[in-house]
Every structure is written in structure tokens, then in C-alpha cells.
Amino acid sequence: MPVDIIGLEVGYRLIPLVDKNQGGQLMTRIKGVRKKLSQELGFLIPSVHIRDNLDLSPTTYRISLMGVTVGESEIIPEMEMAINPGRVFGDLVGKPCRDPAFGLEAFWIEPNQKDYAQTMGYTVVDSGTVVATHLSHLLQSHAHELLGYEETQRMLDNLAKTAPKLVEDLVPKTLSLGVVAKVLQNLLVEQVPIRDMRTIAETLAEYGSKSQDTDILTSAVRTALGRLIIHEITGSAEELTVITLDSELEQILQKSLQTASESGTGVEPGLADQMHESLQENTQQMEMDGQLPILLVSSYIRPWLSRFVRHSIPNLHVLAYNEIPADKQVKVIANVGRRA
């Protein structure tokens, strides 16, 4: 049997949540999650296969991708979760827990406490919403794993209805389907929607004759999608507050990466640690000041830096200079250099 692309297993006490005959709303919510993510990301999110699993504890659910568990948590179906969004005015009487999607402090409370909890600043959701939100968060962060050759071909087929010549010239004349899929996956890894398939395809058709390197092609597409990328991060704000790297540090990184591609040795560990520490400090300071942390660097070192901070400083957006639209103002508030 082929493995489920997306699976949701539930313990026996959670079966009423997914059984419409017992008034369960979770199936409807999951359809809503898939529809919303499909519209936001730009490709059709596969169906979620739901089944009960008697090996799980009665109130546990498990979310899997390609047969591998990516999330698991316990809920109390007859209670509501009051989540602390960061600023509340007191504690609640309930069972302390963590919101499984974002790890925020929370309490399981009786439904009759809901209004009181909300007046104290808590966000209160039912158990079905807890599961749906957790699923949505995991699908968004693993979106690149959900897009393969079939999904890529489907997107090209849709584009061919309005731009047949463009698609005909792109695959397989200029690039293979695999290269196009890899570029789309690279974009999704960095939370860049792939809704504007026409711009993506036109850019790949233009640059694909010069290079088959997926990092180079991804950088070209990101530049073409610059306005969308900035809007996703900052909305309609006219000014971007950014961190930059000292020109000497940029040159050292560029040389190190060039050497790495030739000899296999990378950036010197001590320098990487120093830089990581500085970036973490500046990111925290920007967040405390209510600013969105953005690191602005040259397009050559941007892919490496993005991978470097992706899991350890997830709130830091790494952008290249040529991705910033001409009508945006840039204000540098911190400059990271090599420490003596």
C-alpha cells in the first residue's frame, strides 16, 4: 500500500471530533485549512487521510507526512484551550499545557470559563481548532515536501491554458521538470508563495538557457518576485528596517563559499559562531523594539545565510539587495562585522 502523503491518526476518545454522524466539525475544518493553504501557497494541498489508531492513548492525535510522524499532541475534547498570546492579566484555574502549534503557554479550561479567560487576554479555542491549527502550521512549514513532479506538472498544465508557448518553450526545451520542481521547492522552503506561476516560468525561461544551477535560478526568480516577497513580510510598509553585514565580512563569506564549492571546506567555525551570536542579538533587539527582523545581504551569499539561520533564528528574514523594489526605503539599524 502506498503511504499517505498527509495522515492524521486519532485515539478512540477523539473519534467523535472526526465523525460527522456524532456532530464532529474537524473534517470541515481540515477542508478549510487545505483550501486556505492552497490559495495562499499557490498549489493544491493533498487530501488528509484520517484514521483511528487504538495504539495511541485515547486523547492523543498524530500528524504524519509520507508516513513519518511530524507532530503529536494530547487534547481534552470536552474542554477548551486558553492560550497566552504574550500578555495576560492573571492565571486561570485549569490544567497547564502548551499550544502544540507554536509552543505557547496555555490552560485547558471548562467551557463556562471561556468568557472570563477572554476578558483576561487569553485566546480561547476548542479542541478541534487546536488540531486544525497544528495541522495548518505543519503543512505550511513542510509545504516544499508536498510539492513533487506531479504537482509541478499540474501547475504547468494550468499555466499552459493561458500561456501555451511559454510552457512549451520552458519544459523540456529549456529546463527539465525536475529543475523547475526544485526551484519551486526552494521558494516554498523560504515561505515564498508560488501563486504567480507566469512570472516564475518567464524568469526560468530567460535564465534557464544560461544556467541549470537551481540556486542561481531560484535567486533570479526571487528577484522577479521581489515585490511579492516584501509584501508577504512587511505588508504595505514603505520603510524596511534592516541589519546588514560589514563589507569586509561579506567579502570573507563570499571567498569562503567560493573556496567551499571548489575544495569542500566551508566558512571557518569560529567566524560562523561569532556572526550567529551577533545576528541573534540584533534579531532579539529588533523584536523587542517592535520591528520585523530583516537581514539584507548580497545575492551570492543570501542562500547560504538563509540556510544558516533558518532553524536557529527562524524569525530573521534574509533578503538580497536586488530583491528590494525601487519604491521601498531602507533604514539600516545594525551592522554586523567581524569581531576582533
Protein backbone atom coordinates (compact mmCIF):
# COMPACT_ATOMS: atom_id res chain seq x y z
CA MET A 1 0.00 0.00 0.00
CA PRO A 2 1.35 3.48 -0.83
CA VAL A 3 1.96 5.66 2.22
CA ASP A 4 -0.40 8.57 2.90
CA ILE A 5 1.05 11.91 1.82
CA ILE A 6 -0.69 13.54 4.80
CA GLY A 7 -2.07 11.41 7.62
CA LEU A 8 -3.99 12.21 10.81
CA GLU A 9 -4.40 9.43 13.38
CA VAL A 10 -6.63 9.86 16.44
CA GLY A 11 -7.09 7.95 19.72
CA TYR A 12 -10.53 6.43 20.32
CA ARG A 13 -11.86 9.28 22.52
CA LEU A 14 -11.21 11.72 19.65
CA ILE A 15 -13.26 9.78 17.08
CA PRO A 16 -16.36 11.99 17.71
CA LEU A 17 -14.32 15.01 16.56
CA VAL A 18 -13.89 13.50 13.07
CA ASP A 19 -17.23 11.66 12.82
CA LYS A 20 -19.88 13.83 11.18
CA ASN A 21 -22.61 11.49 12.47
CA GLN A 22 -21.58 12.45 16.01
CA GLY A 23 -21.52 16.17 15.20
CA GLY A 24 -17.76 16.32 14.61
CA GLN A 25 -16.60 19.50 12.85
CA LEU A 26 -12.92 18.60 12.37
CA MET A 27 -13.35 17.21 8.82
CA THR A 28 -14.92 20.51 7.71
CA ARG A 29 -12.15 22.49 9.40
CA ILE A 30 -9.44 20.41 7.72
CA LYS A 31 -11.06 21.04 4.32
CA GLY A 32 -10.96 24.76 5.17
CA VAL A 33 -7.26 24.51 6.11
CA ARG A 34 -6.43 22.80 2.79
CA LYS A 35 -8.40 25.35 0.78
CA LYS A 36 -6.82 28.32 2.55
CA LEU A 37 -3.25 26.98 2.23
CA SER A 38 -3.79 26.03 -1.42
CA GLN A 39 -4.88 29.61 -2.18
CA GLU A 40 -2.04 31.17 -0.18
CA LEU A 41 0.80 28.94 -1.40
CA GLY A 42 -0.32 28.50 -5.00
CA PHE A 43 -0.66 24.72 -5.38
CA LEU A 44 -3.23 22.12 -4.36
CA ILE A 45 -2.54 20.65 -0.90
CA PRO A 46 -3.20 16.86 -0.99
CA SER A 47 -6.09 15.29 0.94
CA VAL A 48 -5.63 14.39 4.61
CA HIS A 49 -6.20 10.69 5.31
CA ILE A 50 -7.86 10.37 8.75
CA ARG A 51 -7.98 7.10 10.69
CA ASP A 52 -8.33 5.93 14.28
CA ASN A 53 -5.36 4.25 15.95
CA LEU A 54 -6.02 2.12 19.03
CA ASP A 55 -2.29 2.07 19.81
CA LEU A 56 -2.43 5.78 20.62
CA SER A 57 -3.57 6.91 24.07
CA PRO A 58 -7.30 7.78 23.94
CA THR A 59 -6.90 11.58 23.71
CA THR A 60 -3.76 11.72 21.52
CA TYR A 61 -3.57 12.62 17.83
CA ARG A 62 -0.63 12.21 15.46
CA ILE A 63 0.13 14.02 12.19
CA SER A 64 2.37 12.37 9.59
CA LEU A 65 3.87 13.27 6.21
CA MET A 66 4.88 10.46 3.83
CA GLY A 67 4.33 8.00 6.68
CA VAL A 68 6.70 9.81 9.08
CA THR A 69 5.39 11.49 12.25
CA VAL A 70 5.93 15.27 12.22
CA GLY A 71 3.65 16.23 15.12
CA GLU A 72 1.84 14.63 18.04
CA SER A 73 -0.09 16.02 20.98
CA GLU A 74 -2.81 15.33 23.51
CA ILE A 75 -6.08 17.24 23.76
CA ILE A 76 -9.05 17.13 26.14
CA PRO A 77 -12.05 17.03 23.78
CA GLU A 78 -14.67 18.29 26.24
CA MET A 79 -12.56 21.27 27.39
CA GLU A 80 -11.27 24.45 25.71
CA MET A 81 -7.68 25.66 25.39
CA ALA A 82 -6.93 29.16 26.71
CA ILE A 83 -3.69 30.30 25.07
CA ASN A 84 -1.47 33.04 26.48
CA PRO A 85 -0.61 35.23 23.45
CA GLY A 86 2.10 37.02 25.43
CA ARG A 87 0.21 39.49 27.58
CA VAL A 88 -2.49 38.37 30.01
CA PHE A 89 -3.77 39.69 33.34
CA GLY A 90 -3.55 36.69 35.68
CA ASP A 91 -3.64 32.90 35.83
CA LEU A 92 -6.60 30.62 35.23
CA VAL A 93 -7.88 27.59 37.11
CA GLY A 94 -7.21 24.74 34.72
CA LYS A 95 -4.72 22.17 33.55
CA PRO A 96 -1.45 23.82 32.35
CA CYS A 97 -0.33 22.79 28.85
CA ARG A 98 1.34 24.09 25.69
CA ASP A 99 -0.30 25.08 22.43
CA PRO A 100 1.07 22.33 20.10
CA ALA A 101 1.41 24.56 17.02
CA PHE A 102 3.56 27.34 18.47
CA GLY A 103 4.54 26.11 21.94
CA LEU A 104 2.78 28.96 23.76
CA GLU A 105 1.78 28.58 27.41
CA ALA A 106 -1.87 27.59 27.80
CA PHE A 107 -4.50 26.04 30.09
CA TRP A 108 -7.26 23.52 29.48
CA ILE A 109 -10.36 25.13 30.98
CA GLU A 110 -14.05 24.30 31.33
CA PRO A 111 -16.24 25.82 28.56
CA ASN A 112 -18.07 28.00 31.12
CA GLN A 113 -14.75 29.78 31.87
CA LYS A 114 -14.33 30.94 28.29
CA ASP A 115 -15.72 34.49 28.66
CA TYR A 116 -13.71 35.09 31.85
CA ALA A 117 -10.50 33.86 30.19
CA GLN A 118 -11.05 36.13 27.18
CA THR A 119 -11.52 39.19 29.40
CA MET A 120 -8.11 38.39 30.92
CA GLY A 121 -6.49 38.45 27.48
CA TYR A 122 -6.37 34.73 26.66
CA THR A 123 -7.18 33.38 23.20
CA VAL A 124 -9.70 30.55 23.73
CA VAL A 125 -10.24 27.79 21.16
CA ASP A 126 -11.97 24.42 21.17
CA SER A 127 -10.07 21.14 20.84
CA GLY A 128 -10.92 20.72 17.15
CA THR A 129 -9.40 24.13 16.38
CA VAL A 130 -6.24 23.11 18.28
CA VAL A 131 -5.80 20.13 15.94
CA ALA A 132 -6.65 22.11 12.78
CA THR A 133 -4.22 24.92 13.70
CA HIS A 134 -1.43 22.42 14.45
CA LEU A 135 -2.05 20.70 11.10
CA SER A 136 -2.09 24.02 9.24
CA HIS A 137 1.22 25.11 10.83
CA LEU A 138 2.93 21.80 9.98
CA LEU A 139 1.65 21.78 6.38
CA GLN A 140 2.89 25.34 5.89
CA SER A 141 6.35 24.62 7.27
CA HIS A 142 6.65 21.37 5.24
CA ALA A 143 4.98 22.70 2.06
CA HIS A 144 8.12 22.05 -0.02
CA GLU A 145 7.82 18.33 0.77
CA LEU A 146 4.24 18.24 -0.54
CA LEU A 147 5.18 19.60 -3.97
CA GLY A 148 6.65 16.99 -6.32
CA TYR A 149 6.79 16.30 -10.05
CA GLU A 150 3.05 15.62 -10.39
CA GLU A 151 2.06 18.86 -8.63
CA THR A 152 4.61 20.83 -10.70
CA GLN A 153 3.30 19.33 -13.95
CA ARG A 154 -0.27 20.19 -12.90
CA MET A 155 0.75 23.82 -12.33
CA LEU A 156 2.43 23.97 -15.75
CA ASP A 157 -0.66 22.41 -17.38
CA ASN A 158 -2.82 25.12 -15.78
CA LEU A 159 -0.43 27.84 -16.99
CA ALA A 160 -0.44 26.34 -20.49
CA LYS A 161 -4.15 27.19 -20.80
CA THR A 162 -3.28 30.91 -20.84
CA ALA A 163 0.40 30.86 -21.92
CA PRO A 164 0.90 27.74 -24.07
CA LYS A 165 4.05 28.96 -25.87
CA LEU A 166 5.78 29.87 -22.59
CA VAL A 167 5.25 26.38 -21.13
CA GLU A 168 6.16 24.68 -24.40
CA ASP A 169 9.48 26.54 -24.52
CA LEU A 170 10.24 26.00 -20.83
CA VAL A 171 9.79 22.23 -20.27
CA PRO A 172 11.53 20.22 -21.59
CA LYS A 173 13.21 22.54 -24.15
CA THR A 174 14.98 24.82 -21.65
CA LEU A 175 14.77 23.06 -18.28
CA SER A 176 13.75 19.61 -17.07
CA LEU A 177 10.62 19.18 -14.95
CA GLY A 178 12.90 18.20 -12.06
CA VAL A 179 14.79 21.52 -12.13
CA VAL A 180 11.53 23.52 -12.20
CA ALA A 181 10.19 21.45 -9.28
CA LYS A 182 13.39 22.05 -7.29
CA VAL A 183 13.18 25.83 -7.80
CA LEU A 184 9.55 25.81 -6.63
CA GLN A 185 10.55 23.74 -3.58
CA ASN A 186 13.38 26.21 -2.81
CA LEU A 187 10.84 29.05 -2.82
CA LEU A 188 8.41 27.18 -0.55
CA VAL A 189 11.19 26.33 1.93
CA GLU A 190 11.59 30.08 2.47
CA GLN A 191 7.83 30.70 2.71
CA VAL A 192 7.64 32.35 -0.73
CA PRO A 193 4.23 31.64 -2.35
CA ILE A 194 4.30 30.20 -5.87
CA ARG A 195 0.95 31.69 -6.93
CA ASP A 196 2.47 33.86 -9.68
CA MET A 197 3.45 30.93 -11.89
CA ARG A 198 3.62 33.07 -15.01
CA THR A 199 6.39 35.31 -13.62
CA ILE A 200 8.22 32.25 -12.27
CA ALA A 201 8.04 30.47 -15.65
CA GLU A 202 9.08 33.56 -17.63
CA THR A 203 12.11 34.09 -15.38
CA LEU A 204 13.12 30.42 -15.64
CA ALA A 205 12.73 30.54 -19.43
CA GLU A 206 15.00 33.60 -19.55
CA TYR A 207 17.73 32.34 -17.20
CA GLY A 208 17.43 28.61 -17.89
CA SER A 209 19.41 28.92 -21.14
CA LYS A 210 22.35 30.39 -19.17
CA SER A 211 22.37 28.13 -16.10
CA GLN A 212 20.87 24.89 -14.80
CA ASP A 213 22.02 25.63 -11.22
CA THR A 214 18.88 25.65 -9.05
CA ASP A 215 20.36 28.15 -6.52
CA ILE A 216 21.13 30.63 -9.32
CA LEU A 217 17.70 30.09 -10.89
CA THR A 218 15.98 30.48 -7.51
CA SER A 219 17.81 33.79 -6.91
CA ALA A 220 16.67 35.05 -10.33
CA VAL A 221 13.05 34.10 -9.57
CA ARG A 222 13.23 35.70 -6.10
CA THR A 223 14.40 38.96 -7.72
CA ALA A 224 11.45 38.83 -10.14
CA LEU A 225 9.09 38.15 -7.21
CA GLY A 226 10.69 40.84 -5.01
CA ARG A 227 7.56 42.91 -4.57
CA LEU A 228 5.53 39.84 -3.52
CA ILE A 229 8.27 38.65 -1.12
CA ILE A 230 8.48 42.05 0.60
CA HIS A 231 4.69 42.35 0.78
CA GLU A 232 4.41 38.91 2.42
CA ILE A 233 6.90 40.01 5.09
CA THR A 234 6.06 43.67 5.75
CA GLY A 235 2.68 44.32 4.14
CA SER A 236 2.39 47.83 2.70
CA ALA A 237 5.05 49.44 4.95
CA GLU A 238 7.10 51.94 2.93
CA GLU A 239 10.28 51.63 5.02
CA LEU A 240 12.27 48.48 5.77
CA THR A 241 14.43 48.45 8.90
CA VAL A 242 17.30 46.06 8.27
CA ILE A 243 20.51 44.53 9.59
CA THR A 244 23.45 44.43 7.16
CA LEU A 245 26.87 42.78 7.17
CA ASP A 246 30.11 44.75 7.19
CA SER A 247 31.62 44.80 3.65
CA GLU A 248 34.75 43.02 4.91
CA LEU A 249 32.65 40.23 6.44
CA GLU A 250 30.63 39.89 3.20
CA GLN A 251 33.87 39.52 1.22
CA ILE A 252 35.22 36.90 3.64
CA LEU A 253 31.98 34.92 3.36
CA GLN A 254 31.95 35.18 -0.43
CA LYS A 255 35.55 33.94 -0.67
CA SER A 256 34.83 31.13 1.80
CA LEU A 257 31.81 29.98 -0.19
CA GLN A 258 33.72 30.11 -3.47
CA THR A 259 36.51 28.06 -1.88
CA ALA A 260 33.93 25.64 -0.44
CA SER A 261 32.47 24.95 -3.87
CA GLU A 262 35.96 24.15 -5.16
CA SER A 263 37.59 22.36 -2.22
CA GLY A 264 34.68 21.34 0.01
CA THR A 265 35.79 23.38 3.04
CA GLY A 266 33.28 25.92 4.31
CA VAL A 267 33.12 29.03 6.49
CA GLU A 268 35.56 28.97 9.43
CA PRO A 269 33.58 27.72 12.52
CA GLY A 270 34.76 30.48 14.91
CA LEU A 271 33.65 33.18 12.47
CA ALA A 272 30.31 31.43 11.91
CA ASP A 273 29.69 31.29 15.69
CA GLN A 274 30.54 35.00 16.14
CA MET A 275 28.28 36.01 13.30
CA HIS A 276 25.43 33.82 14.55
CA GLU A 277 25.67 35.35 18.03
CA SER A 278 25.58 38.91 16.63
CA LEU A 279 22.64 38.14 14.36
CA GLN A 280 20.72 36.54 17.24
CA GLU A 281 21.33 39.58 19.50
CA ASN A 282 20.25 42.03 16.79
CA THR A 283 17.17 39.98 15.94
CA GLN A 284 16.07 39.92 19.59
CA GLN A 285 16.66 43.67 19.90
CA MET A 286 14.58 44.41 16.80
CA GLU A 287 11.74 42.24 18.09
CA MET A 288 11.84 43.98 21.48
CA ASP A 289 11.61 47.32 19.62
CA GLY A 290 8.56 46.03 17.72
CA GLN A 291 10.41 45.78 14.39
CA LEU A 292 10.45 42.91 11.92
CA PRO A 293 13.98 41.41 11.74
CA ILE A 294 15.39 41.54 8.20
CA LEU A 295 18.98 40.79 7.16
CA LEU A 296 19.99 42.40 3.86
CA VAL A 297 22.99 40.90 2.02
CA SER A 298 24.41 40.32 -1.47
CA SER A 299 22.57 37.79 -3.67
CA TYR A 300 25.64 35.50 -3.81
CA ILE A 301 25.75 34.77 -0.05
CA ARG A 302 21.98 35.07 0.61
CA PRO A 303 21.09 31.36 0.01
CA TRP A 304 23.83 30.14 2.37
CA LEU A 305 22.95 32.69 5.07
CA SER A 306 19.27 31.82 4.82
CA ARG A 307 20.05 28.14 5.42
CA PHE A 308 22.48 29.12 8.20
CA VAL A 309 19.80 30.87 10.32
CA ARG A 310 16.65 29.04 9.16
CA HIS A 311 16.17 26.82 12.24
CA SER A 312 18.20 28.66 14.87
CA ILE A 313 16.86 32.21 14.21
CA PRO A 314 13.58 31.41 12.40
CA ASN A 315 12.14 34.94 12.70
CA LEU A 316 15.03 36.52 10.76
CA HIS A 317 14.17 37.13 7.09
CA VAL A 318 17.24 37.02 4.83
CA LEU A 319 16.85 39.14 1.68
CA ALA A 320 19.16 40.18 -1.15
CA TYR A 321 19.68 43.81 -2.17
CA ASN A 322 18.26 43.18 -5.65
CA GLU A 323 15.00 41.80 -4.18
CA ILE A 324 14.02 45.19 -2.74
CA PRO A 325 11.61 47.13 -5.02
CA ALA A 326 12.80 50.60 -6.05
CA ASP A 327 9.96 52.37 -4.22
CA LYS A 328 10.89 50.95 -0.79
CA GLN A 329 13.04 52.92 1.66
CA VAL A 330 15.74 51.00 3.54
CA LYS A 331 16.90 52.03 7.01
CA VAL A 332 19.98 50.23 8.36
CA ILE A 333 19.78 49.97 12.16
CA ALA A 334 22.59 47.46 12.79
CA ASN A 335 25.75 46.39 11.01
CA VAL A 336 27.35 43.04 11.83
CA GLY A 337 31.12 42.93 11.43
CA ARG A 338 33.94 40.59 12.23
CA ARG A 339 34.81 40.83 15.92
CA ALA A 340 38.41 41.45 16.85
